[in-house]
PDB file of N, CA and C in Angstrom:
ATOM      1  N   MET A   1     242.987 175.802 269.576  1.00  0.00           N
ATOM      2  CA  MET A   1     242.618 177.210 269.590  1.00  0.00           C
ATOM      3  C   MET A   1     243.141 177.874 268.302  1.00  0.00           C
ATOM      4  N   PRO A   2     242.313 178.704 267.657  1.00  0.00           N
ATOM      5  CA  PRO A   2     242.748 179.383 266.433  1.00  0.00           C
ATOM      6  C   PRO A   2     243.928 180.320 266.700  1.00  0.00           C
ATOM      7  N   ARG A   3     244.782 180.441 265.700  1.00  0.00           N
ATOM      8  CA  ARG A   3     245.965 181.280 265.818  1.00  0.00           C
ATOM      9  C   ARG A   3     245.631 182.753 265.585  1.00  0.00           C
ATOM     10  N   LEU A   4     246.370 183.601 266.248  1.00  0.00           N
ATOM     11  CA  LEU A   4     246.267 185.042 266.064  1.00  0.00           C
ATOM     12  C   LEU A   4     246.830 185.393 264.692  1.00  0.00           C
ATOM     13  N   ARG A   5     246.084 186.168 263.898  1.00  0.00           N
ATOM     14  CA  ARG A   5     246.504 186.549 262.550  1.00  0.00           C
ATOM     15  C   ARG A   5     246.264 188.048 262.332  1.00  0.00           C
ATOM     16  N   PRO A   6     247.178 188.721 261.660  1.00  0.00           N
ATOM     17  CA  PRO A   6     246.959 190.140 261.369  1.00  0.00           C
ATOM     18  C   PRO A   6     246.055 190.323 260.155  1.00  0.00           C
ATOM     19  N   ARG A   7     245.309 191.394 260.124  1.00  0.00           N
ATOM     20  CA  ARG A   7     244.468 191.758 258.984  1.00  0.00           C
ATOM     21  C   ARG A   7     244.606 193.256 258.765  1.00  0.00           C
ATOM     22  N   SER A   8     244.511 193.670 257.516  1.00  0.00           N
ATOM     23  CA  SER A   8     244.558 195.099 257.206  1.00  0.00           C
ATOM     24  C   SER A   8     243.698 195.366 255.983  1.00  0.00           C
ATOM     25  N   LYS A   9     243.222 196.581 255.878  1.00  0.00           N
ATOM     26  CA  LYS A   9     242.455 197.030 254.716  1.00  0.00           C
ATOM     27  C   LYS A   9     243.178 198.221 254.130  1.00  0.00           C
ATOM     28  N   VAL A  10     243.167 198.284 252.805  1.00  0.00           N
ATOM     29  CA  VAL A  10     243.844 199.362 252.107  1.00  0.00           C
ATOM     30  C   VAL A  10     242.844 200.054 251.194  1.00  0.00           C
ATOM     31  N   TRP A  11     242.864 201.362 251.195  1.00  0.00           N
ATOM     32  CA  TRP A  11     242.115 202.132 250.214  1.00  0.00           C
ATOM     33  C   TRP A  11     242.918 203.383 249.911  1.00  0.00           C
ATOM     34  N   LEU A  12     242.662 203.953 248.749  1.00  0.00           N
ATOM     35  CA  LEU A  12     243.343 205.165 248.316  1.00  0.00           C
ATOM     36  C   LEU A  12     242.322 206.293 248.249  1.00  0.00           C
ATOM     37  N   GLU A  13     242.724 207.460 248.714  1.00  0.00           N
ATOM     38  CA  GLU A  13     241.826 208.612 248.761  1.00  0.00           C
ATOM     39  C   GLU A  13     242.375 209.766 247.936  1.00  0.00           C
ATOM     40  N   VAL A  14     241.462 210.581 247.483  1.00  0.00           N
ATOM     41  CA  VAL A  14     241.787 211.857 246.860  1.00  0.00           C
ATOM     42  C   VAL A  14     240.970 212.910 247.605  1.00  0.00           C
ATOM     43  N   GLY A  15     241.648 213.832 248.259  1.00  0.00           N
ATOM     44  CA  GLY A  15     240.944 214.877 248.997  1.00  0.00           C
ATOM     45  C   GLY A  15     240.038 214.339 250.088  1.00  0.00           C
ATOM     46  N   GLY A  16     240.404 213.219 250.689  1.00  0.00           N
ATOM     47  CA  GLY A  16     239.603 212.639 251.761  1.00  0.00           C
ATOM     48  C   GLY A  16     238.479 211.741 251.281  1.00  0.00           C
ATOM     49  N   ASP A  17     238.301 211.608 249.964  1.00  0.00           N
ATOM     50  CA  ASP A  17     237.256 210.751 249.399  1.00  0.00           C
ATOM     51  C   ASP A  17     237.882 209.490 248.814  1.00  0.00           C
ATOM     52  N   VAL A  18     237.227 208.354 249.018  1.00  0.00           N
ATOM     53  CA  VAL A  18     237.753 207.089 248.519  1.00  0.00           C
ATOM     54  C   VAL A  18     237.786 207.111 246.991  1.00  0.00           C
ATOM     55  N   ALA A  19     238.962 206.813 246.454  1.00  0.00           N
ATOM     56  CA  ALA A  19     239.126 206.714 245.009  1.00  0.00           C
ATOM     57  C   ALA A  19     239.225 205.250 244.583  1.00  0.00           C
ATOM     58  N   LEU A  20     239.866 204.440 245.414  1.00  0.00           N
ATOM     59  CA  LEU A  20     240.068 203.038 245.084  1.00  0.00           C
ATOM     60  C   LEU A  20     240.135 202.244 246.381  1.00  0.00           C
ATOM     61  N   SER A  21     239.489 201.098 246.391  1.00  0.00           N
ATOM     62  CA  SER A  21     239.483 200.230 247.575  1.00  0.00           C
ATOM     63  C   SER A  21     239.428 198.787 247.103  1.00  0.00           C
ATOM     64  N   GLU A  22     239.567 197.879 248.029  1.00  0.00           N
ATOM     65  CA  GLU A  22     239.511 196.467 247.676  1.00  0.00           C
ATOM     66  C   GLU A  22     238.160 196.128 247.042  1.00  0.00           C
ATOM     67  N   TRP A  23     237.068 196.663 247.595  1.00  0.00           N
ATOM     68  CA  TRP A  23     235.744 196.382 247.036  1.00  0.00           C
ATOM     69  C   TRP A  23     235.588 197.001 245.657  1.00  0.00           C
ATOM     70  N   ARG A  24     236.081 198.202 245.466  1.00  0.00           N
ATOM     71  CA  ARG A  24     235.959 198.856 244.161  1.00  0.00           C
ATOM     72  C   ARG A  24     236.770 198.113 243.100  1.00  0.00           C
ATOM     73  N   VAL A  25     237.934 197.625 243.464  1.00  0.00           N
ATOM     74  CA  VAL A  25     238.726 196.809 242.536  1.00  0.00           C
ATOM     75  C   VAL A  25     237.971 195.513 242.228  1.00  0.00           C
ATOM     76  N   GLU A  26     237.362 194.923 243.244  1.00  0.00           N
ATOM     77  CA  GLU A  26     236.556 193.716 243.042  1.00  0.00           C
ATOM     78  C   GLU A  26     235.417 193.986 242.056  1.00  0.00           C
ATOM     79  N   LEU A  27     234.804 195.150 242.151  1.00  0.00           N
ATOM     80  CA  LEU A  27     233.746 195.534 241.217  1.00  0.00           C
ATOM     81  C   LEU A  27     234.286 195.591 239.791  1.00  0.00           C
ATOM     82  N   LEU A  28     235.418 196.245 239.595  1.00  0.00           N
ATOM     83  CA  LEU A  28     236.007 196.323 238.256  1.00  0.00           C
ATOM     84  C   LEU A  28     236.370 194.936 237.733  1.00  0.00           C
ATOM     85  N   GLU A  29     236.927 194.104 238.586  1.00  0.00           N
ATOM     86  CA  GLU A  29     237.283 192.749 238.172  1.00  0.00           C
ATOM     87  C   GLU A  29     236.028 191.931 237.830  1.00  0.00           C
ATOM     88  N   ALA A  30     234.932 192.193 238.523  1.00  0.00           N
ATOM     89  CA  ALA A  30     233.673 191.511 238.213  1.00  0.00           C
ATOM     90  C   ALA A  30     233.138 191.957 236.854  1.00  0.00           C
ATOM     91  N   VAL A  31     233.314 193.225 236.511  1.00  0.00           N
ATOM     92  CA  VAL A  31     232.923 193.698 235.177  1.00  0.00           C
ATOM     93  C   VAL A  31     233.711 192.922 234.125  1.00  0.00           C
ATOM     94  N   GLU A  32     235.000 192.792 234.350  1.00  0.00           N
ATOM     95  CA  GLU A  32     235.851 192.041 233.419  1.00  0.00           C
ATOM     96  C   GLU A  32     235.391 190.590 233.304  1.00  0.00           C
ATOM     97  N   ALA A  33     235.076 189.973 234.421  1.00  0.00           N
ATOM     98  CA  ALA A  33     234.691 188.562 234.434  1.00  0.00           C
ATOM     99  C   ALA A  33     233.319 188.318 233.821  1.00  0.00           C
ATOM    100  N   HIS A  34     232.384 189.252 234.037  1.00  0.00           N
ATOM    101  CA  HIS A  34     230.995 189.029 233.622  1.00  0.00           C
ATOM    102  C   HIS A  34     230.600 189.780 232.360  1.00  0.00           C
ATOM    103  N   GLY A  35     231.430 190.720 231.924  1.00  0.00           N
ATOM    104  CA  GLY A  35     231.173 191.399 230.658  1.00  0.00           C
ATOM    105  C   GLY A  35     230.234 192.581 230.704  1.00  0.00           C
ATOM    106  N   SER A  36     229.727 192.909 231.872  1.00  0.00           N
ATOM    107  CA  SER A  36     228.871 194.093 231.975  1.00  0.00           C
ATOM    108  C   SER A  36     228.811 194.564 233.424  1.00  0.00           C
ATOM    109  N   LEU A  37     228.511 195.833 233.583  1.00  0.00           N
ATOM    110  CA  LEU A  37     228.367 196.390 234.923  1.00  0.00           C
ATOM    111  C   LEU A  37     227.124 195.822 235.598  1.00  0.00           C
ATOM    112  N   THR A  38     226.069 195.603 234.824  1.00  0.00           N
ATOM    113  CA  THR A  38     224.844 195.022 235.383  1.00  0.00           C
ATOM    114  C   THR A  38     225.113 193.639 235.959  1.00  0.00           C
ATOM    115  N   ALA A  39     225.795 192.802 235.190  1.00  0.00           N
ATOM    116  CA  ALA A  39     226.093 191.441 235.653  1.00  0.00           C
ATOM    117  C   ALA A  39     227.065 191.468 236.834  1.00  0.00           C
ATOM    118  N   ALA A  40     228.014 192.402 236.814  1.00  0.00           N
ATOM    119  CA  ALA A  40     228.957 192.531 237.928  1.00  0.00           C
ATOM    120  C   ALA A  40     228.217 192.904 239.205  1.00  0.00           C
ATOM    121  N   ALA A  41     227.304 193.873 239.098  1.00  0.00           N
ATOM    122  CA  ALA A  41     226.524 194.291 240.266  1.00  0.00           C
ATOM    123  C   ALA A  41     225.708 193.123 240.814  1.00  0.00           C
ATOM    124  N   GLN A  42     225.094 192.363 239.932  1.00  0.00           N
ATOM    125  CA  GLN A  42     224.312 191.202 240.363  1.00  0.00           C
ATOM    126  C   GLN A  42     225.204 190.182 241.061  1.00  0.00           C
ATOM    127  N   ALA A  43     226.371 189.930 240.498  1.00  0.00           N
ATOM    128  CA  ALA A  43     227.289 188.950 241.087  1.00  0.00           C
ATOM    129  C   ALA A  43     227.750 189.373 242.475  1.00  0.00           C
ATOM    130  N   LEU A  44     227.888 190.683 242.676  1.00  0.00           N
ATOM    131  CA  LEU A  44     228.339 191.189 243.978  1.00  0.00           C
ATOM    132  C   LEU A  44     227.183 191.485 244.922  1.00  0.00           C
ATOM    133  N   GLY A  45     225.965 191.345 244.433  1.00  0.00           N
ATOM    134  CA  GLY A  45     224.793 191.557 245.279  1.00  0.00           C
ATOM    135  C   GLY A  45     224.541 192.997 245.649  1.00  0.00           C
ATOM    136  N   VAL A  46     224.858 193.915 244.719  1.00  0.00           N
ATOM    137  CA  VAL A  46     224.600 195.338 244.962  1.00  0.00           C
ATOM    138  C   VAL A  46     223.706 195.882 243.856  1.00  0.00           C
ATOM    139  N   PRO A  47     222.947 196.918 244.153  1.00  0.00           N
ATOM    140  CA  PRO A  47     222.121 197.523 243.109  1.00  0.00           C
ATOM    141  C   PRO A  47     222.989 198.087 241.981  1.00  0.00           C
ATOM    142  N   PHE A  48     222.466 198.037 240.763  1.00  0.00           N
ATOM    143  CA  PHE A  48     223.184 198.584 239.612  1.00  0.00           C
ATOM    144  C   PHE A  48     223.574 200.036 239.857  1.00  0.00           C
ATOM    145  N   ARG A  49     222.654 200.797 240.424  1.00  0.00           N
ATOM    146  CA  ARG A  49     222.905 202.229 240.652  1.00  0.00           C
ATOM    147  C   ARG A  49     224.125 202.434 241.549  1.00  0.00           C
ATOM    148  N   THR A  50     224.267 201.611 242.564  1.00  0.00           N
ATOM    149  CA  THR A  50     225.434 201.701 243.450  1.00  0.00           C
ATOM    150  C   THR A  50     226.710 201.431 242.664  1.00  0.00           C
ATOM    151  N   ALA A  51     226.702 200.371 241.862  1.00  0.00           N
ATOM    152  CA  ALA A  51     227.873 200.036 241.056  1.00  0.00           C
ATOM    153  C   ALA A  51     228.205 201.164 240.089  1.00  0.00           C
ATOM    154  N   TRP A  52     227.195 201.689 239.415  1.00  0.00           N
ATOM    155  CA  TRP A  52     227.387 202.788 238.461  1.00  0.00           C
ATOM    156  C   TRP A  52     227.966 204.016 239.163  1.00  0.00           C
ATOM    157  N   ASP A  53     227.412 204.360 240.312  1.00  0.00           N
ATOM    158  CA  ASP A  53     227.911 205.518 241.060  1.00  0.00           C
ATOM    159  C   ASP A  53     229.372 205.329 241.465  1.00  0.00           C
ATOM    160  N   ARG A  54     229.737 204.131 241.911  1.00  0.00           N
ATOM    161  CA  ARG A  54     231.124 203.892 242.332  1.00  0.00           C
ATOM    162  C   ARG A  54     232.085 203.985 241.157  1.00  0.00           C
ATOM    163  N   VAL A  55     231.689 203.474 240.012  1.00  0.00           N
ATOM    164  CA  VAL A  55     232.557 203.582 238.833  1.00  0.00           C
ATOM    165  C   VAL A  55     232.748 205.048 238.456  1.00  0.00           C
ATOM    166  N   ARG A  56     231.685 205.818 238.452  1.00  0.00           N
ATOM    167  CA  ARG A  56     231.785 207.243 238.116  1.00  0.00           C
ATOM    168  C   ARG A  56     232.649 207.991 239.141  1.00  0.00           C
ATOM    169  N   GLU A  57     232.497 207.658 240.426  1.00  0.00           N
ATOM    170  CA  GLU A  57     233.351 208.274 241.454  1.00  0.00           C
ATOM    171  C   GLU A  57     234.818 207.951 241.209  1.00  0.00           C
ATOM    172  N   MET A  58     235.094 206.679 240.931  1.00  0.00           N
ATOM    173  CA  MET A  58     236.485 206.289 240.678  1.00  0.00           C
ATOM    174  C   MET A  58     237.046 207.033 239.479  1.00  0.00           C
ATOM    175  N   GLU A  59     236.288 207.091 238.403  1.00  0.00           N
ATOM    176  CA  GLU A  59     236.759 207.775 237.200  1.00  0.00           C
ATOM    177  C   GLU A  59     237.043 209.247 237.482  1.00  0.00           C
ATOM    178  N   SER A  60     236.149 209.875 238.209  1.00  0.00           N
ATOM    179  CA  SER A  60     236.322 211.289 238.532  1.00  0.00           C
ATOM    180  C   SER A  60     237.536 211.513 239.428  1.00  0.00           C
ATOM    181  N   ARG A  61     237.664 210.718 240.454  1.00  0.00           N
ATOM    182  CA  ARG A  61     238.746 210.919 241.429  1.00  0.00           C
ATOM    183  C   ARG A  61     240.114 210.497 240.889  1.00  0.00           C
ATOM    184  N   LEU A  62     240.135 209.475 240.031  1.00  0.00           N
ATOM    185  CA  LEU A  62     241.401 209.021 239.461  1.00  0.00           C
ATOM    186  C   LEU A  62     241.774 209.798 238.196  1.00  0.00           C
ATOM    187  N   GLY A  63     240.770 210.435 237.594  1.00  0.00           N
ATOM    188  CA  GLY A  63     241.021 211.212 236.383  1.00  0.00           C
ATOM    189  C   GLY A  63     241.250 210.368 235.145  1.00  0.00           C
ATOM    190  N   ILE A  64     240.694 209.149 235.133  1.00  0.00           N
ATOM    191  CA  ILE A  64     240.825 208.277 233.972  1.00  0.00           C
ATOM    192  C   ILE A  64     239.504 207.570 233.695  1.00  0.00           C
ATOM    193  N   LYS A  65     239.326 207.159 232.453  1.00  0.00           N
ATOM    194  CA  LYS A  65     238.162 206.357 232.083  1.00  0.00           C
ATOM    195  C   LYS A  65     238.471 204.910 232.423  1.00  0.00           C
ATOM    196  N   LEU A  66     237.542 204.235 233.090  1.00  0.00           N
ATOM    197  CA  LEU A  66     237.762 202.860 233.532  1.00  0.00           C
ATOM    198  C   LEU A  66     237.042 201.825 232.676  1.00  0.00           C
ATOM    199  N   LEU A  67     235.884 202.202 232.137  1.00  0.00           N
ATOM    200  CA  LEU A  67     235.080 201.256 231.364  1.00  0.00           C
ATOM    201  C   LEU A  67     234.777 201.794 229.977  1.00  0.00           C
ATOM    202  N   ASP A  68     234.856 200.902 229.002  1.00  0.00           N
ATOM    203  CA  ASP A  68     234.301 201.161 227.676  1.00  0.00           C
ATOM    204  C   ASP A  68     233.003 200.388 227.632  1.00  0.00           C
ATOM    205  N   THR A  69     231.896 201.104 227.422  1.00  0.00           N
ATOM    206  CA  THR A  69     230.590 200.456 227.469  1.00  0.00           C
ATOM    207  C   THR A  69     229.855 200.614 226.154  1.00  0.00           C
ATOM    208  N   GLN A  70     229.011 199.623 225.878  1.00  0.00           N
ATOM    209  CA  GLN A  70     228.096 199.670 224.750  1.00  0.00           C
ATOM    210  C   GLN A  70     226.749 199.227 225.291  1.00  0.00           C
ATOM    211  N   SER A  71     225.738 200.047 225.109  1.00  0.00           N
ATOM    212  CA  SER A  71     224.434 199.694 225.670  1.00  0.00           C
ATOM    213  C   SER A  71     223.508 199.159 224.586  1.00  0.00           C
ATOM    214  N   GLY A  72     222.542 198.372 225.030  1.00  0.00           N
ATOM    215  CA  GLY A  72     221.502 197.853 224.147  1.00  0.00           C
ATOM    216  C   GLY A  72     221.988 196.851 223.122  1.00  0.00           C
ATOM    217  N   GLY A  73     221.241 196.772 222.032  1.00  0.00           N
ATOM    218  CA  GLY A  73     221.570 195.824 220.968  1.00  0.00           C
ATOM    219  C   GLY A  73     220.895 194.496 221.195  1.00  0.00           C
ATOM    220  N   PRO A  74     220.971 193.604 220.194  1.00  0.00           N
ATOM    221  CA  PRO A  74     220.292 192.306 220.285  1.00  0.00           C
ATOM    222  C   PRO A  74     220.753 191.454 221.472  1.00  0.00           C
ATOM    223  N   GLY A  75     222.044 191.481 221.775  1.00  0.00           N
ATOM    224  CA  GLY A  75     222.552 190.685 222.890  1.00  0.00           C
ATOM    225  C   GLY A  75     222.632 191.466 224.179  1.00  0.00           C
ATOM    226  N   GLY A  76     222.157 192.692 224.173  1.00  0.00           N
ATOM    227  CA  GLY A  76     222.266 193.547 225.347  1.00  0.00           C
ATOM    228  C   GLY A  76     223.600 194.276 225.354  1.00  0.00           C
ATOM    229  N   GLY A  77     223.794 195.122 226.323  1.00  0.00           N
ATOM    230  CA  GLY A  77     225.023 195.900 226.405  1.00  0.00           C
ATOM    231  C   GLY A  77     226.165 195.105 227.010  1.00  0.00           C
ATOM    232  N   HIS A  78     227.339 195.679 226.897  1.00  0.00           N
ATOM    233  CA  HIS A  78     228.500 195.055 227.524  1.00  0.00           C
ATOM    234  C   HIS A  78     229.495 196.140 227.912  1.00  0.00           C
ATOM    235  N   SER A  79     230.397 195.775 228.790  1.00  0.00           N
ATOM    236  CA  SER A  79     231.447 196.684 229.245  1.00  0.00           C
ATOM    237  C   SER A  79     232.761 195.932 229.305  1.00  0.00           C
ATOM    238  N   VAL A  80     233.834 196.644 229.005  1.00  0.00           N
ATOM    239  CA  VAL A  80     235.177 196.097 229.151  1.00  0.00           C
ATOM    240  C   VAL A  80     236.028 197.134 229.869  1.00  0.00           C
ATOM    241  N   LEU A  81     237.033 196.641 230.567  1.00  0.00           N
ATOM    242  CA  LEU A  81     237.954 197.551 231.236  1.00  0.00           C
ATOM    243  C   LEU A  81     238.857 198.208 230.219  1.00  0.00           C
ATOM    244  N   THR A  82     239.172 199.470 230.456  1.00  0.00           N
ATOM    245  CA  THR A  82     240.142 200.159 229.623  1.00  0.00           C
ATOM    246  C   THR A  82     241.545 199.683 230.016  1.00  0.00           C
ATOM    247  N   PRO A  83     242.513 199.892 229.146  1.00  0.00           N
ATOM    248  CA  PRO A  83     243.888 199.562 229.533  1.00  0.00           C
ATOM    249  C   PRO A  83     244.320 200.301 230.803  1.00  0.00           C
ATOM    250  N   GLU A  84     243.864 201.540 230.964  1.00  0.00           N
ATOM    251  CA  GLU A  84     244.193 202.312 232.169  1.00  0.00           C
ATOM    252  C   GLU A  84     243.608 201.666 233.415  1.00  0.00           C
ATOM    253  N   ALA A  85     242.396 201.125 233.304  1.00  0.00           N
ATOM    254  CA  ALA A  85     241.776 200.434 234.445  1.00  0.00           C
ATOM    255  C   ALA A  85     242.582 199.199 234.822  1.00  0.00           C
ATOM    256  N   ARG A  86     243.009 198.448 233.822  1.00  0.00           N
ATOM    257  CA  ARG A  86     243.814 197.254 234.103  1.00  0.00           C
ATOM    258  C   ARG A  86     245.114 197.615 234.808  1.00  0.00           C
ATOM    259  N   GLU A  87     245.729 198.718 234.386  1.00  0.00           N
ATOM    260  CA  GLU A  87     246.982 199.159 235.010  1.00  0.00           C
ATOM    261  C   GLU A  87     246.748 199.608 236.455  1.00  0.00           C
ATOM    262  N   VAL A  88     245.675 200.350 236.698  1.00  0.00           N
ATOM    263  CA  VAL A  88     245.353 200.797 238.056  1.00  0.00           C
ATOM    264  C   VAL A  88     245.097 199.599 238.959  1.00  0.00           C
ATOM    265  N   ILE A  89     244.373 198.607 238.456  1.00  0.00           N
ATOM    266  CA  ILE A  89     244.102 197.394 239.232  1.00  0.00           C
ATOM    267  C   ILE A  89     245.404 196.679 239.578  1.00  0.00           C
ATOM    268  N   ALA A  90     246.279 196.536 238.601  1.00  0.00           N
ATOM    269  CA  ALA A  90     247.558 195.857 238.839  1.00  0.00           C
ATOM    270  C   ALA A  90     248.385 196.609 239.878  1.00  0.00           C
ATOM    271  N   ARG A  91     248.423 197.928 239.778  1.00  0.00           N
ATOM    272  CA  ARG A  91     249.175 198.734 240.751  1.00  0.00           C
ATOM    273  C   ARG A  91     248.576 198.602 242.142  1.00  0.00           C
ATOM    274  N   PHE A  92     247.249 198.640 242.227  1.00  0.00           N
ATOM    275  CA  PHE A  92     246.589 198.510 243.525  1.00  0.00           C
ATOM    276  C   PHE A  92     246.929 197.163 244.157  1.00  0.00           C
ATOM    277  N   HIS A  93     246.871 196.090 243.369  1.00  0.00           N
ATOM    278  CA  HIS A  93     247.213 194.765 243.900  1.00  0.00           C
ATOM    279  C   HIS A  93     248.660 194.724 244.390  1.00  0.00           C
ATOM    280  N   ARG A  94     249.572 195.373 243.667  1.00  0.00           N
ATOM    281  CA  ARG A  94     250.968 195.384 244.113  1.00  0.00           C
ATOM    282  C   ARG A  94     251.110 196.131 245.440  1.00  0.00           C
ATOM    283  N   ILE A  95     250.377 197.228 245.602  1.00  0.00           N
ATOM    284  CA  ILE A  95     250.407 197.968 246.866  1.00  0.00           C
ATOM    285  C   ILE A  95     249.871 197.099 247.997  1.00  0.00           C
ATOM    286  N   VAL A  96     248.706 196.508 247.787  1.00  0.00           N
ATOM    287  CA  VAL A  96     248.087 195.669 248.823  1.00  0.00           C
ATOM    288  C   VAL A  96     248.993 194.497 249.180  1.00  0.00           C
ATOM    289  N   ASP A  97     249.559 193.845 248.168  1.00  0.00           N
ATOM    290  CA  ASP A  97     250.461 192.716 248.434  1.00  0.00           C
ATOM    291  C   ASP A  97     251.681 193.175 249.224  1.00  0.00           C
ATOM    292  N   GLY A  98     252.247 194.322 248.847  1.00  0.00           N
ATOM    293  CA  GLY A  98     253.421 194.836 249.548  1.00  0.00           C
ATOM    294  C   GLY A  98     253.113 195.195 250.994  1.00  0.00           C
ATOM    295  N   ILE A  99     251.971 195.810 251.215  1.00  0.00           N
ATOM    296  CA  ILE A  99     251.573 196.147 252.582  1.00  0.00           C
ATOM    297  C   ILE A  99     251.319 194.873 253.378  1.00  0.00           C
ATOM    298  N   GLY A 100     250.697 193.887 252.752  1.00  0.00           N
ATOM    299  CA  GLY A 100     250.467 192.603 253.423  1.00  0.00           C
ATOM    300  C   GLY A 100     251.769 191.952 253.863  1.00  0.00           C
ATOM    301  N   GLU A 101     252.780 192.020 253.003  1.00  0.00           N
ATOM    302  CA  GLU A 101     254.089 191.454 253.362  1.00  0.00           C
ATOM    303  C   GLU A 101     254.701 192.204 254.547  1.00  0.00           C
ATOM    304  N   LEU A 102     254.586 193.533 254.537  1.00  0.00           N
ATOM    305  CA  LEU A 102     255.106 194.328 255.654  1.00  0.00           C
ATOM    306  C   LEU A 102     254.373 194.018 256.955  1.00  0.00           C
ATOM    307  N   VAL A 103     253.053 193.915 256.881  1.00  0.00           N
ATOM    308  CA  VAL A 103     252.255 193.596 258.069  1.00  0.00           C
ATOM    309  C   VAL A 103     252.637 192.224 258.602  1.00  0.00           C
ATOM    310  N   ASP A 104     252.754 191.247 257.702  1.00  0.00           N
ATOM    311  CA  ASP A 104     253.125 189.892 258.139  1.00  0.00           C
ATOM    312  C   ASP A 104     254.503 189.882 258.791  1.00  0.00           C
ATOM    313  N   ARG A 105     255.457 190.587 258.197  1.00  0.00           N
ATOM    314  CA  ARG A 105     256.805 190.624 258.763  1.00  0.00           C
ATOM    315  C   ARG A 105     256.800 191.295 260.133  1.00  0.00           C
ATOM    316  N   ARG A 106     256.092 192.407 260.244  1.00  0.00           N
ATOM    317  CA  ARG A 106     256.021 193.118 261.526  1.00  0.00           C
ATOM    318  C   ARG A 106     255.314 192.268 262.577  1.00  0.00           C
ATOM    319  N   PHE A 107     254.251 191.585 262.165  1.00  0.00           N
ATOM    320  CA  PHE A 107     253.525 190.697 263.073  1.00  0.00           C
ATOM    321  C   PHE A 107     254.461 189.615 263.618  1.00  0.00           C
ATOM    322  N   GLN A 108     255.247 189.008 262.737  1.00  0.00           N
ATOM    323  CA  GLN A 108     256.177 187.974 263.172  1.00  0.00           C
ATOM    324  C   GLN A 108     257.209 188.526 264.159  1.00  0.00           C
ATOM    325  N   GLU A 109     257.657 189.750 263.913  1.00  0.00           N
ATOM    326  CA  GLU A 109     258.607 190.372 264.829  1.00  0.00           C
ATOM    327  C   GLU A 109     258.002 190.585 266.217  1.00  0.00           C
ATOM    328  N   GLU A 110     256.750 190.950 266.243  1.00  0.00           N
ATOM    329  CA  GLU A 110     256.098 191.279 267.516  1.00  0.00           C
ATOM    330  C   GLU A 110     255.494 190.052 268.223  1.00  0.00           C
ATOM    331  N   PHE A 111     254.936 189.116 267.454  1.00  0.00           N
ATOM    332  CA  PHE A 111     254.209 188.011 268.052  1.00  0.00           C
ATOM    333  C   PHE A 111     254.827 186.640 267.772  1.00  0.00           C
ATOM    334  N   GLY A 112     255.724 186.558 266.814  1.00  0.00           N
ATOM    335  CA  GLY A 112     256.321 185.267 266.483  1.00  0.00           C
ATOM    336  C   GLY A 112     255.281 184.297 265.983  1.00  0.00           C
ATOM    337  N   GLU A 113     255.487 183.027 266.192  1.00  0.00           N
ATOM    338  CA  GLU A 113     254.577 181.968 265.714  1.00  0.00           C
ATOM    339  C   GLU A 113     253.572 181.588 266.792  1.00  0.00           C
ATOM    340  N   LYS A 114     252.784 182.508 267.247  1.00  0.00           N
ATOM    341  CA  LYS A 114     251.788 182.214 268.294  1.00  0.00           C
ATOM    342  C   LYS A 114     250.534 181.680 267.693  1.00  0.00           C
TER     343      LYS A 114
END
């Protein structure tokens, strides 16, 4: 029989609106990995417009620029994360990891090795 395991989701809000979430961080990391927002959206299976809207929402709510973009050209456009985006991603991962450790510890206290 499979073991009982805790799960949690973390997101950050500004004024009740999502500013950063696991999926949004995944989107930014996909931009870094694929070199463009278009390729990131394709890799994640979402429309470009959705990806673009989420990046703009994050930038507005966080108050920082997340992507440096260049459109067109012979090889097409590309995007890179700003240093501020990399720092926000790193901080978000530290928060999620820390919460995961707390959840795991609390789970062990309540349920032990079941």
